[in-house]
């Protein structure tokens, strides 16, 4: 039993250390950099046996390619694509942070930058409210997209086929008494989001917590992220929440502009 537990911890440690290696691989793929088993094991601080098992799995899934003659490893196309995604998200985060900070100063509430990942909303960055009573959240946190303002601002711009597939694969489970659990009603809500340009979360994900969010576009018009303001219901009555949508939309539009979206491009649903 103890031996099995130790093995699990070792594997998790290796995967955490591989995260940095993935970034290096993604950036160096085009140069054709290769490494031996010993070099990789040394870099991630793991023994050869564990590293070999990890690499075998990565070869099978296309993350890594092994040279059959030299027995060296180099990044596969899947890893390169992953590196591109990570680089894009880091670029968004860098461009967004000063905007998030300014929005938090204006609203005095917690501000989040979120992206959609496998049907969930993922917090890419945040700026905490200066108020003593505020939402407790963390970068890297995930939540159900259908039950959050940030998530609905992203779901609204998926194409119909992708949205239907996502909703079929994930039941709309109730998080609070206000969570939308009916697909038809959610579809109506997403249509409203597209019409007004922002999404609301009226205590649908957490009790007594409200949120307003707006979509962020890249240079092609594709919605790639959302910016939101979140706070306790006591400070965010619905009237104030709707009035804050002006600030949130302006922040999202400014970030979109910095990412190359001119406003003349048509928003793309995909």
C-alpha atoms as a PDB file:
ATOM      1  CA  UNK A   1       0.000   0.000   0.000  1.00  0.00           C
ATOM      2  CA  UNK A   2       2.727   2.460   0.960  1.00  0.00           C
ATOM      3  CA  UNK A   3       4.725   1.506  -2.122  1.00  0.00           C
ATOM      4  CA  UNK A   4       1.733   2.240  -4.372  1.00  0.00           C
ATOM      5  CA  UNK A   5       1.159   5.626  -2.701  1.00  0.00           C
ATOM      6  CA  UNK A   6       4.802   6.587  -3.157  1.00  0.00           C
ATOM      7  CA  UNK A   7       4.601   5.657  -6.845  1.00  0.00           C
ATOM      8  CA  UNK A   8       1.573   7.941  -7.301  1.00  0.00           C
ATOM      9  CA  UNK A   9       3.317  10.870  -5.669  1.00  0.00           C
ATOM     10  CA  UNK A  10       6.411  10.323  -7.839  1.00  0.00           C
ATOM     11  CA  UNK A  11       4.345  10.346 -11.029  1.00  0.00           C
ATOM     12  CA  UNK A  12       2.567  13.549 -10.046  1.00  0.00           C
ATOM     13  CA  UNK A  13       5.887  15.207  -9.281  1.00  0.00           C
ATOM     14  CA  UNK A  14       7.228  14.203 -12.676  1.00  0.00           C
ATOM     15  CA  UNK A  15       4.200  15.600 -14.467  1.00  0.00           C
ATOM     16  CA  UNK A  16       4.486  18.908 -12.616  1.00  0.00           C
ATOM     17  CA  UNK A  17       8.126  19.186 -13.607  1.00  0.00           C
ATOM     18  CA  UNK A  18       7.259  18.222 -17.173  1.00  0.00           C
ATOM     19  CA  UNK A  19       5.092  21.350 -17.422  1.00  0.00           C
ATOM     20  CA  UNK A  20       8.178  23.547 -17.747  1.00  0.00           C
ATOM     21  CA  UNK A  21       9.698  21.065 -20.182  1.00  0.00           C
ATOM     22  CA  UNK A  22       6.550  21.269 -22.320  1.00  0.00           C
ATOM     23  CA  UNK A  23       7.024  25.004 -22.631  1.00  0.00           C
ATOM     24  CA  UNK A  24      10.650  24.503 -23.677  1.00  0.00           C
ATOM     25  CA  UNK A  25       9.657  21.821 -26.183  1.00  0.00           C
ATOM     26  CA  UNK A  26       6.924  24.033 -27.647  1.00  0.00           C
ATOM     27  CA  UNK A  27       9.355  26.875 -28.259  1.00  0.00           C
ATOM     28  CA  UNK A  28      12.178  24.703 -29.629  1.00  0.00           C
ATOM     29  CA  UNK A  29      10.246  22.303 -31.860  1.00  0.00           C
ATOM     30  CA  UNK A  30      11.116  24.169 -35.042  1.00  0.00           C
ATOM     31  CA  UNK A  31      14.827  23.956 -34.276  1.00  0.00           C
ATOM     32  CA  UNK A  32      14.573  20.160 -34.091  1.00  0.00           C
ATOM     33  CA  UNK A  33      16.114  19.911 -30.603  1.00  0.00           C
ATOM     34  CA  UNK A  34      16.451  16.373 -29.303  1.00  0.00           C
ATOM     35  CA  UNK A  35      17.362  14.874 -25.944  1.00  0.00           C
ATOM     36  CA  UNK A  36      18.304  11.479 -24.622  1.00  0.00           C
ATOM     37  CA  UNK A  37      16.500   9.604 -21.869  1.00  0.00           C
ATOM     38  CA  UNK A  38      19.294  10.471 -19.414  1.00  0.00           C
ATOM     39  CA  UNK A  39      19.154  14.175 -20.276  1.00  0.00           C
ATOM     40  CA  UNK A  40      15.386  14.338 -19.845  1.00  0.00           C
ATOM     41  CA  UNK A  41      15.482  12.393 -16.570  1.00  0.00           C
ATOM     42  CA  UNK A  42      18.143  14.751 -15.240  1.00  0.00           C
ATOM     43  CA  UNK A  43      16.238  17.854 -16.331  1.00  0.00           C
ATOM     44  CA  UNK A  44      12.976  16.824 -14.644  1.00  0.00           C
ATOM     45  CA  UNK A  45      14.815  15.305 -11.666  1.00  0.00           C
ATOM     46  CA  UNK A  46      13.345  11.811 -12.019  1.00  0.00           C
ATOM     47  CA  UNK A  47      14.850   8.338 -12.350  1.00  0.00           C
ATOM     48  CA  UNK A  48      15.206   6.729 -15.784  1.00  0.00           C
ATOM     49  CA  UNK A  49      12.553   4.082 -15.181  1.00  0.00           C
ATOM     50  CA  UNK A  50       9.859   6.631 -14.339  1.00  0.00           C
ATOM     51  CA  UNK A  51      10.940   8.937 -17.155  1.00  0.00           C
ATOM     52  CA  UNK A  52      10.860   6.056 -19.659  1.00  0.00           C
ATOM     53  CA  UNK A  53       7.255   5.225 -18.694  1.00  0.00           C
ATOM     54  CA  UNK A  54       6.186   8.849 -19.071  1.00  0.00           C
ATOM     55  CA  UNK A  55       7.930   9.190 -22.430  1.00  0.00           C
ATOM     56  CA  UNK A  56       6.379   5.964 -23.685  1.00  0.00           C
ATOM     57  CA  UNK A  57       2.921   7.364 -22.971  1.00  0.00           C
ATOM     58  CA  UNK A  58       3.836  10.678 -24.600  1.00  0.00           C
ATOM     59  CA  UNK A  59       5.087   8.895 -27.739  1.00  0.00           C
ATOM     60  CA  UNK A  60       1.840   6.907 -27.933  1.00  0.00           C
ATOM     61  CA  UNK A  61      -0.241  10.095 -27.822  1.00  0.00           C
ATOM     62  CA  UNK A  62       1.893  12.101 -30.248  1.00  0.00           C
ATOM     63  CA  UNK A  63       3.359  14.486 -27.710  1.00  0.00           C
ATOM     64  CA  UNK A  64       6.867  13.166 -28.312  1.00  0.00           C
ATOM     65  CA  UNK A  65       8.610  11.416 -31.221  1.00  0.00           C
ATOM     66  CA  UNK A  66      11.409   8.897 -30.622  1.00  0.00           C
ATOM     67  CA  UNK A  67      14.224   8.442 -33.092  1.00  0.00           C
ATOM     68  CA  UNK A  68      14.401   4.620 -33.594  1.00  0.00           C
ATOM     69  CA  UNK A  69      18.137   4.726 -34.412  1.00  0.00           C
ATOM     70  CA  UNK A  70      19.559   7.352 -32.048  1.00  0.00           C
ATOM     71  CA  UNK A  71      16.974   6.538 -29.334  1.00  0.00           C
ATOM     72  CA  UNK A  72      16.574  10.255 -28.658  1.00  0.00           C
ATOM     73  CA  UNK A  73      13.341  12.140 -28.158  1.00  0.00           C
ATOM     74  CA  UNK A  74      12.014  15.293 -29.766  1.00  0.00           C
ATOM     75  CA  UNK A  75       8.733  17.196 -29.490  1.00  0.00           C
ATOM     76  CA  UNK A  76       5.773  15.953 -31.528  1.00  0.00           C
ATOM     77  CA  UNK A  77       3.211  18.107 -33.298  1.00  0.00           C
ATOM     78  CA  UNK A  78       0.716  17.739 -30.441  1.00  0.00           C
ATOM     79  CA  UNK A  79       3.222  19.232 -28.028  1.00  0.00           C
ATOM     80  CA  UNK A  80       4.003  22.036 -30.437  1.00  0.00           C
ATOM     81  CA  UNK A  81       0.293  22.875 -30.711  1.00  0.00           C
ATOM     82  CA  UNK A  82       0.001  22.797 -26.914  1.00  0.00           C
ATOM     83  CA  UNK A  83       2.968  25.145 -26.648  1.00  0.00           C
ATOM     84  CA  UNK A  84       1.265  27.522 -29.063  1.00  0.00           C
ATOM     85  CA  UNK A  85      -1.884  27.527 -26.921  1.00  0.00           C
ATOM     86  CA  UNK A  86       0.109  28.196 -23.748  1.00  0.00           C
ATOM     87  CA  UNK A  87       2.020  31.020 -25.453  1.00  0.00           C
ATOM     88  CA  UNK A  88      -1.261  32.561 -26.652  1.00  0.00           C
ATOM     89  CA  UNK A  89      -2.759  32.439 -23.168  1.00  0.00           C
ATOM     90  CA  UNK A  90       0.348  34.008 -21.630  1.00  0.00           C
ATOM     91  CA  UNK A  91       0.155  36.802 -24.211  1.00  0.00           C
ATOM     92  CA  UNK A  92      -3.492  37.404 -23.322  1.00  0.00           C
ATOM     93  CA  UNK A  93      -2.694  37.441 -19.615  1.00  0.00           C
ATOM     94  CA  UNK A  94       0.164  39.904 -20.060  1.00  0.00           C
ATOM     95  CA  UNK A  95      -1.994  42.259 -22.104  1.00  0.00           C
ATOM     96  CA  UNK A  96      -4.966  41.902 -19.775  1.00  0.00           C
ATOM     97  CA  UNK A  97      -3.459  42.408 -16.321  1.00  0.00           C
ATOM     98  CA  UNK A  98      -3.251  46.234 -16.307  1.00  0.00           C
ATOM     99  CA  UNK A  99      -6.821  46.357 -17.640  1.00  0.00           C
ATOM    100  CA  UNK A 100      -8.017  43.994 -14.898  1.00  0.00           C
ATOM    101  CA  UNK A 101      -6.269  46.114 -12.289  1.00  0.00           C
ATOM    102  CA  UNK A 102      -7.883  49.308 -13.541  1.00  0.00           C
ATOM    103  CA  UNK A 103     -11.325  47.666 -13.676  1.00  0.00           C
ATOM    104  CA  UNK A 104     -10.948  46.449 -10.087  1.00  0.00           C
ATOM    105  CA  UNK A 105      -9.972  49.957  -8.948  1.00  0.00           C
ATOM    106  CA  UNK A 106     -13.034  51.462 -10.654  1.00  0.00           C
ATOM    107  CA  UNK A 107     -15.538  48.855  -9.412  1.00  0.00           C
ATOM    108  CA  UNK A 108     -13.803  47.950  -6.104  1.00  0.00           C
ATOM    109  CA  UNK A 109     -14.670  44.320  -6.785  1.00  0.00           C
ATOM    110  CA  UNK A 110     -12.745  41.194  -7.779  1.00  0.00           C
ATOM    111  CA  UNK A 111     -12.002  40.951 -11.489  1.00  0.00           C
ATOM    112  CA  UNK A 112     -11.259  37.746 -13.424  1.00  0.00           C
ATOM    113  CA  UNK A 113      -9.843  36.868 -16.827  1.00  0.00           C
ATOM    114  CA  UNK A 114     -11.196  33.477 -17.899  1.00  0.00           C
ATOM    115  CA  UNK A 115     -11.019  31.076 -20.822  1.00  0.00           C
ATOM    116  CA  UNK A 116     -13.076  28.060 -21.840  1.00  0.00           C
ATOM    117  CA  UNK A 117     -11.333  24.716 -21.398  1.00  0.00           C
ATOM    118  CA  UNK A 118     -13.070  21.399 -22.069  1.00  0.00           C
ATOM    119  CA  UNK A 119     -16.469  22.770 -21.181  1.00  0.00           C
ATOM    120  CA  UNK A 120     -15.287  24.462 -18.010  1.00  0.00           C
ATOM    121  CA  UNK A 121     -14.409  28.061 -17.285  1.00  0.00           C
ATOM    122  CA  UNK A 122     -10.749  28.395 -16.267  1.00  0.00           C
ATOM    123  CA  UNK A 123      -9.387  31.404 -14.360  1.00  0.00           C
ATOM    124  CA  UNK A 124      -6.316  32.669 -16.189  1.00  0.00           C
ATOM    125  CA  UNK A 125      -5.727  35.766 -14.056  1.00  0.00           C
ATOM    126  CA  UNK A 126      -7.437  37.874 -11.395  1.00  0.00           C
ATOM    127  CA  UNK A 127      -7.189  41.045  -9.323  1.00  0.00           C
ATOM    128  CA  UNK A 128      -8.719  40.940  -5.860  1.00  0.00           C
ATOM    129  CA  UNK A 129     -11.190  43.476  -4.543  1.00  0.00           C
ATOM    130  CA  UNK A 130      -9.785  46.014  -2.041  1.00  0.00           C
ATOM    131  CA  UNK A 131     -12.885  45.433   0.101  1.00  0.00           C
ATOM    132  CA  UNK A 132     -12.425  43.517   3.392  1.00  0.00           C
ATOM    133  CA  UNK A 133     -15.324  41.233   2.422  1.00  0.00           C
ATOM    134  CA  UNK A 134     -14.662  39.812  -1.023  1.00  0.00           C
ATOM    135  CA  UNK A 135     -14.861  36.696  -3.149  1.00  0.00           C
ATOM    136  CA  UNK A 136     -12.165  34.129  -2.400  1.00  0.00           C
ATOM    137  CA  UNK A 137     -10.842  32.714  -5.667  1.00  0.00           C
ATOM    138  CA  UNK A 138      -7.571  31.605  -7.197  1.00  0.00           C
ATOM    139  CA  UNK A 139      -5.829  31.556 -10.544  1.00  0.00           C
ATOM    140  CA  UNK A 140      -6.238  28.109 -12.101  1.00  0.00           C
ATOM    141  CA  UNK A 141      -9.649  27.517 -10.540  1.00  0.00           C
ATOM    142  CA  UNK A 142     -12.303  25.848 -12.672  1.00  0.00           C
ATOM    143  CA  UNK A 143     -16.061  25.968 -12.664  1.00  0.00           C
ATOM    144  CA  UNK A 144     -19.077  24.944 -14.734  1.00  0.00           C
ATOM    145  CA  UNK A 145     -19.356  27.355 -17.660  1.00  0.00           C
ATOM    146  CA  UNK A 146     -23.158  27.194 -17.774  1.00  0.00           C
ATOM    147  CA  UNK A 147     -23.484  28.445 -14.183  1.00  0.00           C
ATOM    148  CA  UNK A 148     -21.092  31.409 -14.283  1.00  0.00           C
ATOM    149  CA  UNK A 149     -21.134  34.805 -15.945  1.00  0.00           C
ATOM    150  CA  UNK A 150     -17.610  34.261 -17.256  1.00  0.00           C
ATOM    151  CA  UNK A 151     -18.603  30.921 -18.723  1.00  0.00           C
ATOM    152  CA  UNK A 152     -21.836  32.106 -20.303  1.00  0.00           C
ATOM    153  CA  UNK A 153     -19.987  34.984 -21.978  1.00  0.00           C
ATOM    154  CA  UNK A 154     -17.844  32.295 -23.648  1.00  0.00           C
ATOM    155  CA  UNK A 155     -20.512  29.668 -24.355  1.00  0.00           C
ATOM    156  CA  UNK A 156     -22.658  32.262 -26.130  1.00  0.00           C
ATOM    157  CA  UNK A 157     -20.131  32.468 -28.960  1.00  0.00           C
ATOM    158  CA  UNK A 158     -19.643  28.753 -29.616  1.00  0.00           C
ATOM    159  CA  UNK A 159     -21.141  27.520 -32.867  1.00  0.00           C
ATOM    160  CA  UNK A 160     -24.396  25.593 -32.508  1.00  0.00           C
ATOM    161  CA  UNK A 161     -22.837  22.166 -33.124  1.00  0.00           C
ATOM    162  CA  UNK A 162     -20.047  22.630 -30.568  1.00  0.00           C
ATOM    163  CA  UNK A 163     -22.474  24.011 -28.004  1.00  0.00           C
ATOM    164  CA  UNK A 164     -24.937  21.141 -28.455  1.00  0.00           C
ATOM    165  CA  UNK A 165     -22.162  18.560 -28.142  1.00  0.00           C
ATOM    166  CA  UNK A 166     -20.883  20.194 -24.985  1.00  0.00           C
ATOM    167  CA  UNK A 167     -24.340  20.324 -23.395  1.00  0.00           C
ATOM    168  CA  UNK A 168     -24.986  16.680 -24.260  1.00  0.00           C
ATOM    169  CA  UNK A 169     -21.707  15.586 -22.671  1.00  0.00           C
ATOM    170  CA  UNK A 170     -22.239  17.522 -19.434  1.00  0.00           C
ATOM    171  CA  UNK A 171     -25.497  17.524 -17.467  1.00  0.00           C
ATOM    172  CA  UNK A 172     -26.627  20.914 -16.157  1.00  0.00           C
ATOM    173  CA  UNK A 173     -26.360  20.101 -12.471  1.00  0.00           C
ATOM    174  CA  UNK A 174     -27.790  22.462  -9.908  1.00  0.00           C
ATOM    175  CA  UNK A 175     -25.208  24.455  -7.942  1.00  0.00           C
ATOM    176  CA  UNK A 176     -27.701  26.696  -6.180  1.00  0.00           C
ATOM    177  CA  UNK A 177     -31.459  27.262  -6.321  1.00  0.00           C
ATOM    178  CA  UNK A 178     -30.850  29.766  -9.139  1.00  0.00           C
ATOM    179  CA  UNK A 179     -28.734  27.585 -11.419  1.00  0.00           C
ATOM    180  CA  UNK A 180     -30.136  27.203 -14.919  1.00  0.00           C
ATOM    181  CA  UNK A 181     -30.586  23.449 -15.389  1.00  0.00           C
ATOM    182  CA  UNK A 182     -32.895  23.466 -18.414  1.00  0.00           C
ATOM    183  CA  UNK A 183     -31.150  23.396 -21.813  1.00  0.00           C
ATOM    184  CA  UNK A 184     -33.856  25.404 -23.587  1.00  0.00           C
ATOM    185  CA  UNK A 185     -33.717  28.123 -20.952  1.00  0.00           C
ATOM    186  CA  UNK A 186     -29.910  28.217 -21.120  1.00  0.00           C
ATOM    187  CA  UNK A 187     -30.047  28.602 -24.899  1.00  0.00           C
ATOM    188  CA  UNK A 188     -32.385  31.579 -24.458  1.00  0.00           C
ATOM    189  CA  UNK A 189     -29.989  33.050 -21.908  1.00  0.00           C
ATOM    190  CA  UNK A 190     -27.052  32.711 -24.299  1.00  0.00           C
ATOM    191  CA  UNK A 191     -29.046  34.427 -27.049  1.00  0.00           C
ATOM    192  CA  UNK A 192     -29.655  37.303 -24.638  1.00  0.00           C
ATOM    193  CA  UNK A 193     -25.912  37.434 -23.909  1.00  0.00           C
ATOM    194  CA  UNK A 194     -25.183  37.852 -27.622  1.00  0.00           C
ATOM    195  CA  UNK A 195     -27.838  40.554 -27.979  1.00  0.00           C
ATOM    196  CA  UNK A 196     -26.669  42.764 -25.085  1.00  0.00           C
ATOM    197  CA  UNK A 197     -22.962  41.895 -25.162  1.00  0.00           C
ATOM    198  CA  UNK A 198     -22.579  40.744 -21.567  1.00  0.00           C
ATOM    199  CA  UNK A 199     -23.574  37.876 -19.266  1.00  0.00           C
ATOM    200  CA  UNK A 200     -24.939  37.852 -15.730  1.00  0.00           C
ATOM    201  CA  UNK A 201     -24.604  35.315 -12.928  1.00  0.00           C
ATOM    202  CA  UNK A 202     -27.293  35.923 -10.339  1.00  0.00           C
ATOM    203  CA  UNK A 203     -26.106  33.573  -7.589  1.00  0.00           C
ATOM    204  CA  UNK A 204     -26.184  30.634 -10.014  1.00  0.00           C
ATOM    205  CA  UNK A 205     -22.776  29.223  -9.140  1.00  0.00           C
ATOM    206  CA  UNK A 206     -22.361  30.324  -5.521  1.00  0.00           C
ATOM    207  CA  UNK A 207     -24.985  31.475  -3.057  1.00  0.00           C
ATOM    208  CA  UNK A 208     -25.124  35.265  -2.583  1.00  0.00           C
ATOM    209  CA  UNK A 209     -22.449  35.910  -5.228  1.00  0.00           C
ATOM    210  CA  UNK A 210     -23.138  37.856  -8.421  1.00  0.00           C
ATOM    211  CA  UNK A 211     -21.096  38.441 -11.541  1.00  0.00           C
ATOM    212  CA  UNK A 212     -21.172  40.355 -14.822  1.00  0.00           C
ATOM    213  CA  UNK A 213     -18.895  39.321 -17.707  1.00  0.00           C
ATOM    214  CA  UNK A 214     -18.121  40.347 -21.286  1.00  0.00           C
ATOM    215  CA  UNK A 215     -16.375  38.515 -24.148  1.00  0.00           C
ATOM    216  CA  UNK A 216     -12.863  39.252 -25.414  1.00  0.00           C
ATOM    217  CA  UNK A 217     -12.152  38.921 -29.153  1.00  0.00           C
ATOM    218  CA  UNK A 218      -8.888  38.194 -30.927  1.00  0.00           C
ATOM    219  CA  UNK A 219      -7.818  39.806 -34.207  1.00  0.00           C
ATOM    220  CA  UNK A 220     -10.007  37.404 -36.227  1.00  0.00           C
ATOM    221  CA  UNK A 221     -13.158  38.203 -34.260  1.00  0.00           C
ATOM    222  CA  UNK A 222     -13.070  34.886 -32.388  1.00  0.00           C
ATOM    223  CA  UNK A 223     -14.076  35.025 -28.706  1.00  0.00           C
ATOM    224  CA  UNK A 224     -11.102  33.681 -26.758  1.00  0.00           C
ATOM    225  CA  UNK A 225     -11.668  34.898 -23.196  1.00  0.00           C
ATOM    226  CA  UNK A 226     -13.964  36.835 -20.903  1.00  0.00           C
ATOM    227  CA  UNK A 227     -13.492  39.558 -18.317  1.00  0.00           C
ATOM    228  CA  UNK A 228     -15.772  39.623 -15.286  1.00  0.00           C
ATOM    229  CA  UNK A 229     -16.521  41.557 -12.114  1.00  0.00           C
ATOM    230  CA  UNK A 230     -17.647  39.422  -9.180  1.00  0.00           C
ATOM    231  CA  UNK A 231     -18.765  40.314  -5.674  1.00  0.00           C
ATOM    232  CA  UNK A 232     -21.207  39.645  -2.857  1.00  0.00           C
ATOM    233  CA  UNK A 233     -24.894  40.057  -3.580  1.00  0.00           C
ATOM    234  CA  UNK A 234     -25.199  42.657  -0.814  1.00  0.00           C
ATOM    235  CA  UNK A 235     -22.894  45.022  -2.722  1.00  0.00           C
ATOM    236  CA  UNK A 236     -24.140  44.077  -6.165  1.00  0.00           C
ATOM    237  CA  UNK A 237     -27.910  44.513  -6.434  1.00  0.00           C
ATOM    238  CA  UNK A 238     -29.078  43.722  -9.949  1.00  0.00           C
ATOM    239  CA  UNK A 239     -29.403  47.400 -10.855  1.00  0.00           C
ATOM    240  CA  UNK A 240     -25.752  48.090  -9.973  1.00  0.00           C
ATOM    241  CA  UNK A 241     -24.648  44.845 -11.604  1.00  0.00           C
ATOM    242  CA  UNK A 242     -26.218  45.906 -14.890  1.00  0.00           C
ATOM    243  CA  UNK A 243     -24.694  49.379 -14.614  1.00  0.00           C
ATOM    244  CA  UNK A 244     -21.259  47.806 -14.130  1.00  0.00           C
ATOM    245  CA  UNK A 245     -21.695  46.040 -17.475  1.00  0.00           C
ATOM    246  CA  UNK A 246     -20.645  49.301 -19.155  1.00  0.00           C
ATOM    247  CA  UNK A 247     -17.247  49.192 -17.409  1.00  0.00           C
ATOM    248  CA  UNK A 248     -16.833  45.450 -18.003  1.00  0.00           C
ATOM    249  CA  UNK A 249     -17.658  45.747 -21.716  1.00  0.00           C
ATOM    250  CA  UNK A 250     -15.271  48.683 -22.064  1.00  0.00           C
ATOM    251  CA  UNK A 251     -12.482  46.645 -20.425  1.00  0.00           C
ATOM    252  CA  UNK A 252     -13.163  43.651 -22.683  1.00  0.00           C
ATOM    253  CA  UNK A 253     -13.233  45.905 -25.743  1.00  0.00           C
ATOM    254  CA  UNK A 254      -9.912  47.496 -24.767  1.00  0.00           C
ATOM    255  CA  UNK A 255      -8.273  44.090 -24.348  1.00  0.00           C
ATOM    256  CA  UNK A 256      -9.764  42.986 -27.679  1.00  0.00           C
ATOM    257  CA  UNK A 257      -8.298  46.088 -29.294  1.00  0.00           C
ATOM    258  CA  UNK A 258      -4.857  45.316 -27.831  1.00  0.00           C
ATOM    259  CA  UNK A 259      -5.139  41.803 -29.270  1.00  0.00           C
ATOM    260  CA  UNK A 260      -5.794  43.202 -32.739  1.00  0.00           C
ATOM    261  CA  UNK A 261      -9.599  43.253 -32.893  1.00  0.00           C
ATOM    262  CA  UNK A 262     -10.643  46.437 -34.648  1.00  0.00           C
ATOM    263  CA  UNK A 263     -14.353  46.201 -33.943  1.00  0.00           C
ATOM    264  CA  UNK A 264     -15.183  46.189 -37.631  1.00  0.00           C
ATOM    265  CA  UNK A 265     -14.637  42.432 -37.846  1.00  0.00           C
ATOM    266  CA  UNK A 266     -17.706  40.326 -37.295  1.00  0.00           C
ATOM    267  CA  UNK A 267     -17.699  38.316 -34.074  1.00  0.00           C
ATOM    268  CA  UNK A 268     -17.077  34.685 -34.976  1.00  0.00           C
ATOM    269  CA  UNK A 269     -18.942  31.795 -33.365  1.00  0.00           C
ATOM    270  CA  UNK A 270     -16.860  28.638 -33.414  1.00  0.00           C
END
